[in-house]
Amino acid sequence: MLSLLLSGALALALIFVVGTQVYAHVQQVDDETSIKGIVLTAFSASVRAVVLPHTPAIFTTTKLSAAQPDAAIAQTQAHTLFNSIYDTHCIPCQSIAKGTYQSIAGETGGRYRALGWGVRDIDWRLVLINGQTASVTLAATLWSRVQYIDEFDKLHTVTPTEGLVKIYTLNKSGTKWLITNQVQDEVAGSRLPINNYKPNRQDGPPPSGQPVPKGKGKP
C-alpha cells in the first residue's frame, strides 16, 4: 500500500513538473508573439500614423491639403497607437510621438501629404525575454509614399526608402508589454544592402525639414 501511495505521489509530482514546463513554454511563445507585434508596430509608427483617413493613392495640386476633421481623427488614432506600444516614461518614444503629431498637423497646409507606407525585409536579429523584461533588435526596410510641392510650386511624388536597425527594450506590466526605450543602430543600418542600392531612376527625398523618413530606392 505504501509503495502504491509513493508511486501515486511521484506520478502527481511528475505531472505537475511537466505541466509547469508546458505552461512556461506556452507563455514564452505568447510573450514573443506579443513583443514582435508591438515592436513591428513601433518600427513603422511614424510613417503609418501620418497617412490620414480618406487618403487616395494620388493627389492633384488642388487636393493636396488634408481636411481638418481627417487630421483630427488621425491625431486621435496616433495618440491611441502610441499609448498601446509605448511606456509613458520612454523619452525617445515621446519625441517620436511629438514629431508625428506635428507631421499630421502639417498636412492641412497644402504643401505635403503622406500617401502610403510599408515595411519589408524583416529580420529579427534578437528577441531575448528575461522574466518581465525583453530586448529586441529588428532590421527592416521602411518606405513611405509622399507628395509635396516645392518652392517653385511643382508637384513631386517620391518614395523615401531606408534600411534601419533599431534596438528596443520592453517591460511587462501585468499582461501588457510596453516599450521603455528604443535606439537606432546607425552603423549596422549603414551596412544593409538597401542603403547601398542606387537605381538608375531613383526618387529623390522631399525638401529638408519635411518630417518623413529619408533614404534610397523604391518599395
N, C-alpha and C. Protein backbone atom coordinates (compact mmCIF):
# COMPACT_ATOMS: atom_id res chain seq x y z
N MET A 1 0.83 -1.21 0.00
CA MET A 1 0.00 0.00 0.00
C MET A 1 0.86 1.26 0.00
N LEU A 2 1.91 1.23 0.84
CA LEU A 2 2.80 2.39 0.92
C LEU A 2 3.48 2.65 -0.42
N SER A 3 3.88 1.56 -1.08
CA SER A 3 4.55 1.72 -2.38
C SER A 3 3.60 2.32 -3.41
N LEU A 4 2.34 1.91 -3.32
CA LEU A 4 1.35 2.46 -4.24
C LEU A 4 1.15 3.96 -4.00
N LEU A 5 1.11 4.34 -2.73
CA LEU A 5 0.95 5.75 -2.39
C LEU A 5 2.13 6.57 -2.88
N LEU A 6 3.34 5.99 -2.68
CA LEU A 6 4.54 6.69 -3.13
C LEU A 6 4.56 6.82 -4.64
N SER A 7 4.15 5.76 -5.34
CA SER A 7 4.10 5.81 -6.80
C SER A 7 3.11 6.87 -7.27
N GLY A 8 1.96 6.93 -6.59
CA GLY A 8 0.96 7.93 -6.95
C GLY A 8 1.47 9.34 -6.73
N ALA A 9 2.17 9.55 -5.61
CA ALA A 9 2.71 10.87 -5.30
C ALA A 9 3.77 11.28 -6.32
N LEU A 10 4.61 10.32 -6.71
CA LEU A 10 5.64 10.61 -7.71
C LEU A 10 5.00 10.96 -9.06
N ALA A 11 3.93 10.24 -9.40
CA ALA A 11 3.24 10.49 -10.66
C ALA A 11 2.63 11.89 -10.66
N LEU A 12 2.03 12.26 -9.54
CA LEU A 12 1.44 13.60 -9.44
C LEU A 12 2.51 14.67 -9.53
N ALA A 13 3.65 14.41 -8.89
CA ALA A 13 4.75 15.38 -8.94
C ALA A 13 5.27 15.53 -10.36
N LEU A 14 5.38 14.40 -11.06
CA LEU A 14 5.85 14.42 -12.43
C LEU A 14 4.88 15.19 -13.33
N ILE A 15 3.60 14.95 -13.14
CA ILE A 15 2.57 15.67 -13.90
C ILE A 15 2.67 17.17 -13.65
N PHE A 16 2.88 17.54 -12.39
CA PHE A 16 2.99 18.96 -12.03
C PHE A 16 4.19 19.61 -12.72
N VAL A 17 5.33 18.91 -12.69
CA VAL A 17 6.55 19.44 -13.30
C VAL A 17 6.37 19.61 -14.80
N VAL A 18 5.84 18.57 -15.45
CA VAL A 18 5.63 18.63 -16.90
C VAL A 18 4.63 19.73 -17.24
N GLY A 19 3.56 19.80 -16.45
CA GLY A 19 2.55 20.84 -16.68
C GLY A 19 3.12 22.24 -16.56
N THR A 20 3.99 22.41 -15.56
CA THR A 20 4.62 23.72 -15.35
C THR A 20 5.52 24.08 -16.53
N GLN A 21 6.26 23.11 -17.02
CA GLN A 21 7.15 23.34 -18.15
C GLN A 21 6.37 23.68 -19.42
N VAL A 22 5.27 22.96 -19.64
CA VAL A 22 4.43 23.23 -20.80
C VAL A 22 3.84 24.63 -20.72
N TYR A 23 3.36 25.00 -19.54
CA TYR A 23 2.78 26.34 -19.36
C TYR A 23 3.83 27.43 -19.61
N ALA A 24 5.05 27.20 -19.09
CA ALA A 24 6.12 28.18 -19.28
C ALA A 24 6.46 28.33 -20.76
N HIS A 25 6.46 27.21 -21.48
CA HIS A 25 6.76 27.27 -22.92
C HIS A 25 5.66 28.03 -23.66
N VAL A 26 4.42 27.72 -23.35
CA VAL A 26 3.30 28.42 -24.00
C VAL A 26 3.35 29.91 -23.69
N GLN A 27 3.66 30.26 -22.44
CA GLN A 27 3.75 31.67 -22.05
C GLN A 27 4.89 32.36 -22.80
N GLN A 28 6.00 31.67 -22.97
CA GLN A 28 7.14 32.21 -23.70
C GLN A 28 6.76 32.50 -25.16
N VAL A 29 6.05 31.58 -25.77
CA VAL A 29 5.61 31.76 -27.16
C VAL A 29 4.64 32.94 -27.26
N ASP A 30 3.70 33.01 -26.32
CA ASP A 30 2.73 34.10 -26.32
C ASP A 30 3.43 35.45 -26.14
N ASP A 31 4.40 35.50 -25.22
CA ASP A 31 5.13 36.73 -24.98
C ASP A 31 5.91 37.16 -26.22
N GLU A 32 6.57 36.20 -26.87
CA GLU A 32 7.36 36.53 -28.05
C GLU A 32 6.47 37.06 -29.17
N THR A 33 5.31 36.44 -29.36
CA THR A 33 4.37 36.90 -30.39
C THR A 33 3.91 38.32 -30.10
N SER A 34 3.57 38.58 -28.85
CA SER A 34 3.11 39.91 -28.46
C SER A 34 4.21 40.95 -28.64
N ILE A 35 5.42 40.61 -28.21
CA ILE A 35 6.55 41.53 -28.30
C ILE A 35 6.87 41.87 -29.76
N LYS A 36 6.87 40.87 -30.62
CA LYS A 36 7.16 41.11 -32.03
C LYS A 36 6.10 42.02 -32.65
N GLY A 37 4.85 41.83 -32.28
CA GLY A 37 3.79 42.67 -32.81
C GLY A 37 3.95 44.12 -32.39
N ILE A 38 4.30 44.33 -31.13
CA ILE A 38 4.48 45.69 -30.61
C ILE A 38 5.67 46.37 -31.26
N VAL A 39 6.77 45.65 -31.37
CA VAL A 39 7.99 46.21 -31.96
C VAL A 39 7.79 46.53 -33.44
N LEU A 40 7.15 45.65 -34.17
CA LEU A 40 6.91 45.90 -35.59
C LEU A 40 6.00 47.11 -35.78
N THR A 41 5.03 47.27 -34.90
CA THR A 41 4.16 48.45 -34.95
C THR A 41 4.97 49.72 -34.67
N ALA A 42 5.84 49.66 -33.67
CA ALA A 42 6.67 50.82 -33.33
C ALA A 42 7.63 51.17 -34.47
N PHE A 43 8.14 50.15 -35.13
CA PHE A 43 9.11 50.37 -36.21
C PHE A 43 8.52 51.26 -37.31
N SER A 44 7.24 51.10 -37.58
CA SER A 44 6.60 51.85 -38.67
C SER A 44 5.66 52.94 -38.20
N ALA A 45 5.57 53.15 -36.88
CA ALA A 45 4.56 54.05 -36.34
C ALA A 45 4.62 55.46 -36.91
N SER A 46 5.82 56.00 -37.10
CA SER A 46 5.97 57.39 -37.53
C SER A 46 5.51 57.62 -38.96
N VAL A 47 5.48 56.56 -39.80
CA VAL A 47 5.02 56.73 -41.18
C VAL A 47 3.59 56.24 -41.38
N ARG A 48 3.16 55.27 -40.61
CA ARG A 48 1.79 54.77 -40.77
C ARG A 48 0.78 55.75 -40.20
N ALA A 49 1.14 56.44 -39.10
CA ALA A 49 0.19 57.34 -38.43
C ALA A 49 -0.09 58.61 -39.22
N VAL A 50 0.83 58.98 -40.13
CA VAL A 50 0.65 60.24 -40.87
C VAL A 50 -0.15 60.06 -42.16
N VAL A 51 -0.55 58.82 -42.47
CA VAL A 51 -1.45 58.61 -43.61
C VAL A 51 -2.86 58.80 -43.09
N LEU A 52 -3.46 59.94 -43.42
CA LEU A 52 -4.74 60.35 -42.86
C LEU A 52 -5.91 59.56 -43.45
N PRO A 53 -7.05 59.55 -42.74
CA PRO A 53 -8.25 58.92 -43.29
C PRO A 53 -8.65 59.57 -44.62
N HIS A 54 -9.28 58.79 -45.47
CA HIS A 54 -9.77 59.25 -46.78
C HIS A 54 -8.63 59.73 -47.68
N THR A 55 -7.45 59.13 -47.51
CA THR A 55 -6.31 59.49 -48.37
C THR A 55 -6.32 58.61 -49.61
N PRO A 56 -6.53 59.19 -50.80
CA PRO A 56 -6.46 58.40 -52.03
C PRO A 56 -5.02 58.08 -52.39
N ALA A 57 -4.83 57.28 -53.41
CA ALA A 57 -3.49 56.84 -53.78
C ALA A 57 -2.64 57.98 -54.35
N ILE A 58 -3.28 58.99 -54.93
CA ILE A 58 -2.53 60.09 -55.53
C ILE A 58 -3.41 61.34 -55.56
N PHE A 59 -2.78 62.50 -55.51
CA PHE A 59 -3.48 63.77 -55.47
C PHE A 59 -3.10 64.63 -56.66
N THR A 60 -3.91 65.65 -56.92
CA THR A 60 -3.51 66.76 -57.77
C THR A 60 -3.14 67.91 -56.84
N THR A 61 -2.56 68.96 -57.39
CA THR A 61 -2.14 70.08 -56.55
C THR A 61 -3.31 70.75 -55.85
N THR A 62 -4.52 70.63 -56.41
CA THR A 62 -5.68 71.29 -55.80
C THR A 62 -6.25 70.50 -54.63
N LYS A 63 -5.81 69.25 -54.46
CA LYS A 63 -6.38 68.40 -53.41
C LYS A 63 -5.36 67.96 -52.37
N LEU A 64 -4.19 68.52 -52.41
CA LEU A 64 -3.12 68.05 -51.53
C LEU A 64 -3.41 68.32 -50.06
N SER A 65 -4.09 69.41 -49.76
CA SER A 65 -4.36 69.77 -48.37
C SER A 65 -5.36 68.81 -47.74
N ALA A 66 -5.05 68.37 -46.51
CA ALA A 66 -5.94 67.47 -45.78
C ALA A 66 -7.04 68.26 -45.10
N ALA A 67 -8.21 67.66 -44.99
CA ALA A 67 -9.32 68.29 -44.29
C ALA A 67 -9.05 68.27 -42.78
N GLN A 68 -9.46 69.32 -42.10
CA GLN A 68 -9.24 69.41 -40.66
C GLN A 68 -9.86 68.24 -39.89
N PRO A 69 -11.09 67.81 -40.24
CA PRO A 69 -11.65 66.66 -39.50
C PRO A 69 -10.82 65.39 -39.65
N ASP A 70 -10.26 65.17 -40.86
CA ASP A 70 -9.42 64.00 -41.07
C ASP A 70 -8.13 64.09 -40.25
N ALA A 71 -7.57 65.30 -40.17
CA ALA A 71 -6.36 65.49 -39.36
C ALA A 71 -6.65 65.26 -37.88
N ALA A 72 -7.82 65.69 -37.43
CA ALA A 72 -8.19 65.50 -36.03
C ALA A 72 -8.36 64.01 -35.71
N ILE A 73 -8.98 63.29 -36.64
CA ILE A 73 -9.13 61.84 -36.45
C ILE A 73 -7.77 61.16 -36.40
N ALA A 74 -6.87 61.57 -37.31
CA ALA A 74 -5.54 60.98 -37.35
C ALA A 74 -4.77 61.26 -36.06
N GLN A 75 -4.92 62.45 -35.50
CA GLN A 75 -4.26 62.78 -34.24
C GLN A 75 -4.74 61.85 -33.13
N THR A 76 -6.04 61.62 -33.07
CA THR A 76 -6.62 60.74 -32.05
C THR A 76 -6.14 59.30 -32.24
N GLN A 77 -6.13 58.85 -33.50
CA GLN A 77 -5.69 57.49 -33.78
C GLN A 77 -4.20 57.31 -33.44
N ALA A 78 -3.40 58.32 -33.74
CA ALA A 78 -1.97 58.25 -33.43
C ALA A 78 -1.76 58.19 -31.92
N HIS A 79 -2.52 59.00 -31.18
CA HIS A 79 -2.41 59.01 -29.72
C HIS A 79 -2.73 57.62 -29.15
N THR A 80 -3.80 57.01 -29.67
CA THR A 80 -4.18 55.67 -29.23
C THR A 80 -3.11 54.65 -29.59
N LEU A 81 -2.56 54.78 -30.78
CA LEU A 81 -1.50 53.87 -31.23
C LEU A 81 -0.28 53.94 -30.31
N PHE A 82 0.18 55.14 -30.04
CA PHE A 82 1.38 55.29 -29.21
C PHE A 82 1.14 54.81 -27.78
N ASN A 83 -0.04 55.05 -27.25
CA ASN A 83 -0.35 54.58 -25.90
C ASN A 83 -0.39 53.06 -25.80
N SER A 84 -0.63 52.39 -26.93
CA SER A 84 -0.72 50.93 -26.93
C SER A 84 0.64 50.25 -27.02
N ILE A 85 1.69 51.01 -27.36
CA ILE A 85 3.01 50.38 -27.54
C ILE A 85 4.10 51.02 -26.68
N TYR A 86 3.91 52.26 -26.24
CA TYR A 86 4.97 52.97 -25.53
C TYR A 86 4.65 53.16 -24.05
N ASP A 87 5.65 52.96 -23.21
CA ASP A 87 5.54 53.32 -21.80
C ASP A 87 5.58 54.85 -21.68
N THR A 88 4.83 55.39 -20.75
CA THR A 88 4.72 56.85 -20.62
C THR A 88 6.04 57.50 -20.23
N HIS A 89 7.00 56.73 -19.70
CA HIS A 89 8.27 57.27 -19.27
C HIS A 89 9.38 57.13 -20.32
N CYS A 90 9.02 56.65 -21.50
CA CYS A 90 10.00 56.46 -22.57
C CYS A 90 10.26 57.78 -23.29
N ILE A 91 11.40 58.41 -23.03
CA ILE A 91 11.71 59.72 -23.60
C ILE A 91 11.84 59.68 -25.13
N PRO A 92 12.60 58.73 -25.71
CA PRO A 92 12.68 58.68 -27.18
C PRO A 92 11.31 58.46 -27.82
N CYS A 93 10.47 57.69 -27.16
CA CYS A 93 9.13 57.42 -27.68
C CYS A 93 8.30 58.71 -27.71
N GLN A 94 8.43 59.53 -26.68
CA GLN A 94 7.71 60.80 -26.64
C GLN A 94 8.14 61.72 -27.77
N SER A 95 9.43 61.70 -28.10
CA SER A 95 9.94 62.53 -29.20
C SER A 95 9.36 62.07 -30.54
N ILE A 96 9.26 60.76 -30.73
CA ILE A 96 8.68 60.22 -31.95
C ILE A 96 7.21 60.62 -32.06
N ALA A 97 6.49 60.49 -30.96
CA ALA A 97 5.07 60.85 -30.96
C ALA A 97 4.88 62.33 -31.27
N LYS A 98 5.70 63.19 -30.66
CA LYS A 98 5.59 64.63 -30.89
C LYS A 98 5.83 64.98 -32.35
N GLY A 99 6.85 64.37 -32.95
CA GLY A 99 7.14 64.62 -34.36
C GLY A 99 6.02 64.16 -35.27
N THR A 100 5.39 63.05 -34.90
CA THR A 100 4.29 62.52 -35.69
C THR A 100 3.08 63.45 -35.64
N TYR A 101 2.77 63.95 -34.46
CA TYR A 101 1.64 64.89 -34.33
C TYR A 101 1.89 66.14 -35.16
N GLN A 102 3.12 66.62 -35.18
CA GLN A 102 3.46 67.79 -35.97
C GLN A 102 3.31 67.51 -37.46
N SER A 103 3.70 66.30 -37.87
CA SER A 103 3.57 65.92 -39.28
C SER A 103 2.10 65.90 -39.71
N ILE A 104 1.27 65.34 -38.86
CA ILE A 104 -0.17 65.27 -39.17
C ILE A 104 -0.75 66.67 -39.30
N ALA A 105 -0.40 67.54 -38.36
CA ALA A 105 -0.91 68.92 -38.42
C ALA A 105 -0.43 69.62 -39.69
N GLY A 106 0.79 69.32 -40.12
CA GLY A 106 1.35 69.98 -41.30
C GLY A 106 0.66 69.58 -42.59
N GLU A 107 -0.05 68.46 -42.58
CA GLU A 107 -0.70 68.00 -43.81
C GLU A 107 -1.95 68.82 -44.17
N THR A 108 -2.37 69.70 -43.30
CA THR A 108 -3.50 70.57 -43.62
C THR A 108 -3.06 71.83 -44.36
N GLY A 109 -1.74 72.01 -44.51
CA GLY A 109 -1.22 73.23 -45.12
C GLY A 109 -1.20 73.23 -46.63
N GLY A 110 -1.42 72.06 -47.26
CA GLY A 110 -1.48 72.00 -48.70
C GLY A 110 -0.14 71.90 -49.41
N ARG A 111 0.94 71.67 -48.67
CA ARG A 111 2.26 71.57 -49.30
C ARG A 111 2.85 70.16 -49.24
N TYR A 112 2.26 69.31 -48.43
CA TYR A 112 2.83 67.99 -48.20
C TYR A 112 1.72 67.03 -47.83
N ARG A 113 1.81 65.79 -48.31
CA ARG A 113 0.80 64.78 -47.94
C ARG A 113 1.41 63.39 -48.00
N ALA A 114 1.22 62.63 -46.95
CA ALA A 114 1.64 61.22 -46.92
C ALA A 114 0.56 60.37 -47.57
N LEU A 115 0.98 59.48 -48.47
CA LEU A 115 0.03 58.67 -49.23
C LEU A 115 0.03 57.19 -48.84
N GLY A 116 1.15 56.70 -48.34
CA GLY A 116 1.23 55.28 -48.01
C GLY A 116 2.53 54.94 -47.33
N TRP A 117 2.66 53.69 -46.90
CA TRP A 117 3.86 53.26 -46.19
C TRP A 117 3.94 51.74 -46.27
N GLY A 118 5.09 51.21 -45.87
CA GLY A 118 5.23 49.77 -45.81
C GLY A 118 6.55 49.36 -45.16
N VAL A 119 6.61 48.11 -44.74
CA VAL A 119 7.81 47.51 -44.15
C VAL A 119 8.08 46.20 -44.87
N ARG A 120 9.34 45.95 -45.20
CA ARG A 120 9.70 44.69 -45.84
C ARG A 120 11.10 44.27 -45.36
N ASP A 121 11.56 43.14 -45.83
CA ASP A 121 12.89 42.62 -45.47
C ASP A 121 13.06 42.52 -43.96
N ILE A 122 12.05 42.01 -43.28
CA ILE A 122 12.06 41.95 -41.81
C ILE A 122 13.03 40.88 -41.32
N ASP A 123 13.94 41.29 -40.43
CA ASP A 123 14.97 40.39 -39.89
C ASP A 123 15.04 40.57 -38.37
N TRP A 124 14.51 39.59 -37.64
CA TRP A 124 14.57 39.63 -36.18
C TRP A 124 15.95 39.16 -35.74
N ARG A 125 16.81 40.11 -35.42
CA ARG A 125 18.20 39.76 -35.08
C ARG A 125 18.35 39.31 -33.64
N LEU A 126 17.44 39.77 -32.78
CA LEU A 126 17.49 39.35 -31.39
C LEU A 126 16.10 39.52 -30.76
N VAL A 127 15.63 38.47 -30.11
CA VAL A 127 14.44 38.56 -29.26
C VAL A 127 14.78 37.81 -27.98
N LEU A 128 15.15 38.54 -26.96
CA LEU A 128 15.60 37.96 -25.69
C LEU A 128 14.63 38.35 -24.59
N ILE A 129 13.98 37.35 -24.01
CA ILE A 129 13.00 37.59 -22.94
C ILE A 129 13.58 37.06 -21.64
N ASN A 130 13.60 37.94 -20.62
CA ASN A 130 14.13 37.57 -19.31
C ASN A 130 13.11 38.00 -18.25
N GLY A 131 12.18 37.09 -17.95
CA GLY A 131 11.16 37.42 -16.97
C GLY A 131 10.23 38.50 -17.48
N GLN A 132 10.25 39.66 -16.82
CA GLN A 132 9.35 40.76 -17.17
C GLN A 132 10.00 41.80 -18.08
N THR A 133 11.18 41.51 -18.56
CA THR A 133 11.86 42.44 -19.47
C THR A 133 12.24 41.72 -20.76
N ALA A 134 12.44 42.51 -21.80
CA ALA A 134 12.81 41.92 -23.09
C ALA A 134 13.67 42.90 -23.86
N SER A 135 14.58 42.35 -24.68
CA SER A 135 15.41 43.15 -25.57
C SER A 135 15.22 42.62 -26.99
N VAL A 136 15.02 43.53 -27.93
CA VAL A 136 14.74 43.15 -29.31
C VAL A 136 15.57 44.01 -30.25
N THR A 137 16.17 43.36 -31.24
CA THR A 137 16.85 44.08 -32.32
C THR A 137 16.17 43.69 -33.63
N LEU A 138 15.68 44.69 -34.35
CA LEU A 138 14.96 44.45 -35.60
C LEU A 138 15.61 45.24 -36.73
N ALA A 139 15.90 44.54 -37.82
CA ALA A 139 16.37 45.18 -39.05
C ALA A 139 15.29 45.01 -40.11
N ALA A 140 14.98 46.09 -40.82
CA ALA A 140 13.96 46.02 -41.86
C ALA A 140 14.07 47.24 -42.76
N THR A 141 13.37 47.18 -43.88
CA THR A 141 13.31 48.30 -44.81
C THR A 141 11.99 49.03 -44.61
N LEU A 142 12.07 50.33 -44.40
CA LEU A 142 10.88 51.16 -44.18
C LEU A 142 10.74 52.14 -45.34
N TRP A 143 9.54 52.21 -45.92
CA TRP A 143 9.32 53.16 -47.02
C TRP A 143 8.02 53.91 -46.82
N SER A 144 7.95 55.08 -47.41
CA SER A 144 6.72 55.87 -47.40
C SER A 144 6.51 56.46 -48.79
N ARG A 145 5.27 56.76 -49.11
CA ARG A 145 4.93 57.40 -50.38
C ARG A 145 4.43 58.79 -50.06
N VAL A 146 5.06 59.81 -50.66
CA VAL A 146 4.81 61.19 -50.28
C VAL A 146 4.64 62.07 -51.51
N GLN A 147 3.74 63.04 -51.42
CA GLN A 147 3.66 64.10 -52.41
C GLN A 147 3.93 65.43 -51.73
N TYR A 148 4.64 66.31 -52.40
CA TYR A 148 4.91 67.64 -51.86
C TYR A 148 5.05 68.64 -52.99
N ILE A 149 4.87 69.90 -52.66
CA ILE A 149 5.04 70.99 -53.62
C ILE A 149 6.28 71.77 -53.22
N ASP A 150 7.20 71.95 -54.18
CA ASP A 150 8.44 72.64 -53.87
C ASP A 150 8.26 74.16 -53.94
N GLU A 151 9.38 74.87 -53.78
CA GLU A 151 9.32 76.33 -53.73
C GLU A 151 8.93 76.95 -55.06
N PHE A 152 8.94 76.14 -56.13
CA PHE A 152 8.52 76.64 -57.45
C PHE A 152 7.11 76.17 -57.80
N ASP A 153 6.40 75.68 -56.77
CA ASP A 153 5.03 75.17 -56.93
C ASP A 153 4.93 73.98 -57.87
N LYS A 154 5.99 73.20 -57.93
CA LYS A 154 5.99 71.98 -58.73
C LYS A 154 5.67 70.79 -57.82
N LEU A 155 4.77 69.93 -58.29
CA LEU A 155 4.35 68.77 -57.51
C LEU A 155 5.31 67.60 -57.74
N HIS A 156 5.73 66.97 -56.63
CA HIS A 156 6.62 65.81 -56.70
C HIS A 156 5.97 64.64 -55.97
N THR A 157 6.16 63.46 -56.50
CA THR A 157 5.75 62.23 -55.82
C THR A 157 7.01 61.39 -55.61
N VAL A 158 7.33 61.10 -54.37
CA VAL A 158 8.58 60.41 -54.04
C VAL A 158 8.31 59.24 -53.10
N THR A 159 9.29 58.37 -53.03
CA THR A 159 9.19 57.20 -52.16
C THR A 159 10.45 57.08 -51.30
N PRO A 160 10.56 57.87 -50.24
CA PRO A 160 11.72 57.73 -49.35
C PRO A 160 11.79 56.31 -48.78
N THR A 161 12.93 55.69 -48.92
CA THR A 161 13.11 54.29 -48.51
C THR A 161 14.45 54.14 -47.81
N GLU A 162 14.44 53.41 -46.70
CA GLU A 162 15.69 53.25 -45.95
C GLU A 162 15.69 51.96 -45.16
N GLY A 163 16.83 51.31 -45.11
CA GLY A 163 17.01 50.16 -44.23
C GLY A 163 17.43 50.65 -42.86
N LEU A 164 16.78 50.14 -41.83
CA LEU A 164 17.01 50.59 -40.46
C LEU A 164 17.25 49.40 -39.54
N VAL A 165 18.08 49.62 -38.53
CA VAL A 165 18.26 48.65 -37.46
C VAL A 165 17.94 49.37 -36.16
N LYS A 166 16.94 48.86 -35.44
CA LYS A 166 16.51 49.51 -34.20
C LYS A 166 16.55 48.51 -33.05
N ILE A 167 16.92 49.03 -31.89
CA ILE A 167 17.04 48.22 -30.68
C ILE A 167 15.99 48.68 -29.67
N TYR A 168 15.21 47.75 -29.15
CA TYR A 168 14.11 48.07 -28.25
C TYR A 168 14.28 47.38 -26.90
N THR A 169 13.87 48.08 -25.86
CA THR A 169 13.76 47.49 -24.52
C THR A 169 12.29 47.55 -24.12
N LEU A 170 11.78 46.43 -23.60
CA LEU A 170 10.38 46.37 -23.20
C LEU A 170 10.26 45.85 -21.77
N ASN A 171 9.23 46.31 -21.09
CA ASN A 171 8.88 45.80 -19.77
C ASN A 171 7.44 45.30 -19.81
N LYS A 172 7.17 44.29 -19.00
CA LYS A 172 5.82 43.74 -18.92
C LYS A 172 5.15 44.23 -17.65
N SER A 173 4.00 44.88 -17.83
CA SER A 173 3.22 45.37 -16.69
C SER A 173 1.89 44.63 -16.71
N GLY A 174 1.70 43.73 -15.76
CA GLY A 174 0.52 42.88 -15.79
C GLY A 174 0.63 41.90 -16.94
N THR A 175 -0.28 42.02 -17.90
CA THR A 175 -0.23 41.16 -19.08
C THR A 175 0.21 41.92 -20.32
N LYS A 176 0.59 43.18 -20.18
CA LYS A 176 0.88 44.03 -21.33
C LYS A 176 2.35 44.38 -21.42
N TRP A 177 2.94 44.15 -22.60
CA TRP A 177 4.32 44.57 -22.87
C TRP A 177 4.30 45.98 -23.44
N LEU A 178 5.21 46.84 -22.96
CA LEU A 178 5.34 48.20 -23.47
C LEU A 178 6.81 48.53 -23.69
N ILE A 179 7.07 49.34 -24.68
CA ILE A 179 8.44 49.75 -24.99
C ILE A 179 8.87 50.85 -24.02
N THR A 180 10.02 50.64 -23.37
CA THR A 180 10.54 51.61 -22.42
C THR A 180 11.73 52.39 -22.97
N ASN A 181 12.30 51.89 -24.07
CA ASN A 181 13.40 52.62 -24.72
C ASN A 181 13.60 52.07 -26.12
N GLN A 182 14.04 52.93 -27.03
CA GLN A 182 14.40 52.48 -28.36
C GLN A 182 15.49 53.38 -28.92
N VAL A 183 16.45 52.76 -29.59
CA VAL A 183 17.55 53.50 -30.22
C VAL A 183 17.78 52.93 -31.61
N GLN A 184 18.36 53.74 -32.46
CA GLN A 184 18.67 53.31 -33.82
C GLN A 184 20.16 53.02 -33.93
N ASP A 185 20.49 51.85 -34.45
CA ASP A 185 21.88 51.47 -34.66
C ASP A 185 22.27 51.91 -36.07
N GLU A 186 22.83 53.10 -36.18
CA GLU A 186 23.13 53.67 -37.49
C GLU A 186 24.28 52.95 -38.18
N VAL A 187 25.23 52.44 -37.41
CA VAL A 187 26.36 51.71 -38.01
C VAL A 187 25.86 50.43 -38.68
N ALA A 188 25.07 49.66 -37.95
CA ALA A 188 24.53 48.41 -38.51
C ALA A 188 23.59 48.71 -39.67
N GLY A 189 22.81 49.79 -39.54
CA GLY A 189 21.89 50.16 -40.61
C GLY A 189 22.61 50.53 -41.90
N SER A 190 23.76 51.17 -41.79
CA SER A 190 24.51 51.59 -42.97
C SER A 190 25.01 50.40 -43.78
N ARG A 191 25.08 49.23 -43.15
CA ARG A 191 25.58 48.03 -43.84
C ARG A 191 24.48 47.27 -44.57
N LEU A 192 23.22 47.66 -44.37
CA LEU A 192 22.13 46.96 -45.04
C LEU A 192 22.20 47.18 -46.55
N PRO A 193 21.94 46.13 -47.34
CA PRO A 193 22.06 46.25 -48.80
C PRO A 193 21.23 47.37 -49.40
N ILE A 194 20.02 47.60 -48.87
CA ILE A 194 19.13 48.62 -49.45
C ILE A 194 19.76 50.00 -49.38
N ASN A 195 20.60 50.24 -48.39
CA ASN A 195 21.21 51.56 -48.23
C ASN A 195 22.41 51.77 -49.14
N ASN A 196 22.78 50.74 -49.86
CA ASN A 196 23.87 50.85 -50.82
C ASN A 196 23.40 50.61 -52.25
N TYR A 197 22.06 50.58 -52.41
CA TYR A 197 21.47 50.34 -53.73
C TYR A 197 21.04 51.67 -54.33
N LYS A 198 21.47 51.97 -55.54
CA LYS A 198 21.15 53.22 -56.20
C LYS A 198 20.60 52.94 -57.60
N PRO A 199 19.26 52.87 -57.73
CA PRO A 199 18.67 52.59 -59.03
C PRO A 199 18.92 53.73 -60.00
N ASN A 200 18.79 53.44 -61.29
CA ASN A 200 19.04 54.45 -62.32
C ASN A 200 18.10 55.63 -62.24
N ARG A 201 16.85 55.35 -61.81
CA ARG A 201 15.87 56.43 -61.74
C ARG A 201 15.32 56.52 -60.32
N GLN A 202 16.19 56.85 -59.44
CA GLN A 202 15.85 56.90 -58.02
C GLN A 202 15.03 58.13 -57.69
N ASP A 203 13.95 57.94 -56.92
CA ASP A 203 13.19 59.08 -56.43
C ASP A 203 14.03 59.86 -55.44
N GLY A 204 13.97 61.16 -55.51
CA GLY A 204 14.67 61.98 -54.53
C GLY A 204 13.83 62.18 -53.30
N PRO A 205 14.45 62.58 -52.19
CA PRO A 205 13.70 62.81 -50.96
C PRO A 205 12.96 64.15 -51.01
N PRO A 206 11.98 64.36 -50.16
CA PRO A 206 11.30 65.65 -50.07
C PRO A 206 12.27 66.72 -49.60
N PRO A 207 11.86 67.98 -49.62
CA PRO A 207 12.75 69.06 -49.17
C PRO A 207 13.17 68.87 -47.73
N SER A 208 14.31 69.44 -47.37
CA SER A 208 14.78 69.33 -46.00
C SER A 208 13.76 69.97 -45.07
N GLY A 209 13.60 69.36 -43.92
CA GLY A 209 12.64 69.88 -42.95
C GLY A 209 11.31 69.17 -42.98
N GLN A 210 11.03 68.42 -44.07
CA GLN A 210 9.78 67.68 -44.12
C GLN A 210 9.91 66.46 -43.22
N PRO A 211 8.95 66.23 -42.31
CA PRO A 211 9.07 65.16 -41.31
C PRO A 211 8.70 63.80 -41.87
N VAL A 212 9.47 63.30 -42.85
CA VAL A 212 9.27 61.96 -43.38
C VAL A 212 10.62 61.27 -43.47
N PRO A 213 10.65 59.92 -43.46
CA PRO A 213 11.94 59.24 -43.50
C PRO A 213 12.66 59.51 -44.80
N LYS A 214 13.97 59.65 -44.73
CA LYS A 214 14.80 59.85 -45.92
C LYS A 214 15.57 58.59 -46.21
N GLY A 215 15.82 58.31 -47.48
CA GLY A 215 16.55 57.10 -47.79
C GLY A 215 16.72 56.93 -49.28
N LYS A 216 16.84 55.69 -49.69
CA LYS A 216 17.18 55.38 -51.06
C LYS A 216 16.26 54.30 -51.58
N GLY A 217 16.10 54.28 -52.88
CA GLY A 217 15.42 53.18 -53.52
C GLY A 217 13.92 53.30 -53.57
N LYS A 218 13.26 52.19 -53.94
CA LYS A 218 11.81 52.13 -54.08
C LYS A 218 11.30 50.91 -53.34
N PRO A 219 10.02 50.92 -52.93
CA PRO A 219 9.47 49.75 -52.24
C PRO A 219 9.22 48.62 -53.23
